[in-house]
Amino acid sequence: LGALKATHGNQNYDLPAEVDTDSVYTVVVWCERFRSAFGAARLA
């Protein structure tokens, strides 16, 4: 979905139209530099 818009607070991101929401249930906040997941969110 791209880079974070901010490092704190609520954020909303639009999913690209080609994302199959019947097979994708979560998104992960991934830090490439540290190769680590910092959080995840369930898609509603």
Protein backbone atom coordinates (compact mmCIF):
# COMPACT_ATOMS: atom_id res chain seq x y z
CA LEU A 1 0.00 0.00 0.00
CA GLY A 2 3.01 2.24 0.31
CA ALA A 3 4.92 4.11 2.96
CA LEU A 4 3.29 5.16 6.22
CA LYS A 5 1.64 8.58 6.16
CA ALA A 6 2.67 9.21 9.78
CA THR A 7 4.30 7.36 12.67
CA HIS A 8 1.38 7.76 15.08
CA GLY A 9 -2.39 8.21 15.13
CA ASN A 10 -5.16 6.69 13.05
CA GLN A 11 -4.52 6.27 9.36
CA ASN A 12 -6.59 5.11 6.39
CA TYR A 13 -5.29 3.66 3.14
CA ASP A 14 -7.17 2.84 -0.04
CA LEU A 15 -6.72 -0.65 -1.43
CA PRO A 16 -5.89 -0.87 -5.13
CA ALA A 17 -8.83 -2.15 -7.19
CA GLU A 18 -6.89 -5.28 -8.19
CA VAL A 19 -6.64 -6.52 -4.57
CA ASP A 20 -8.90 -9.55 -4.12
CA THR A 21 -10.54 -8.82 -0.77
CA ASP A 22 -12.02 -12.34 -0.71
CA SER A 23 -8.51 -13.78 -0.27
CA VAL A 24 -6.66 -10.96 1.54
CA TYR A 25 -7.71 -10.52 5.17
CA THR A 26 -4.92 -8.52 6.81
CA VAL A 27 -2.21 -5.99 6.11
CA VAL A 28 1.14 -5.88 7.89
CA VAL A 29 3.25 -2.87 8.85
CA TRP A 30 6.70 -4.02 7.75
CA CYS A 31 10.02 -2.28 8.36
CA GLU A 32 12.39 -3.10 5.52
CA ARG A 33 15.41 -1.62 7.33
CA PHE A 34 15.01 -3.88 10.38
CA ARG A 35 13.30 -6.71 8.48
CA SER A 36 10.61 -6.84 11.12
CA ALA A 37 6.83 -6.60 11.39
CA PHE A 38 5.67 -3.77 13.63
CA GLY A 39 1.95 -4.48 13.51
CA ALA A 40 -0.96 -5.82 11.54
CA ALA A 41 -4.56 -4.87 10.88
CA ARG A 42 -7.58 -6.90 9.87
CA LEU A 43 -9.37 -5.58 6.80
CA ALA A 44 -13.00 -4.68 7.43
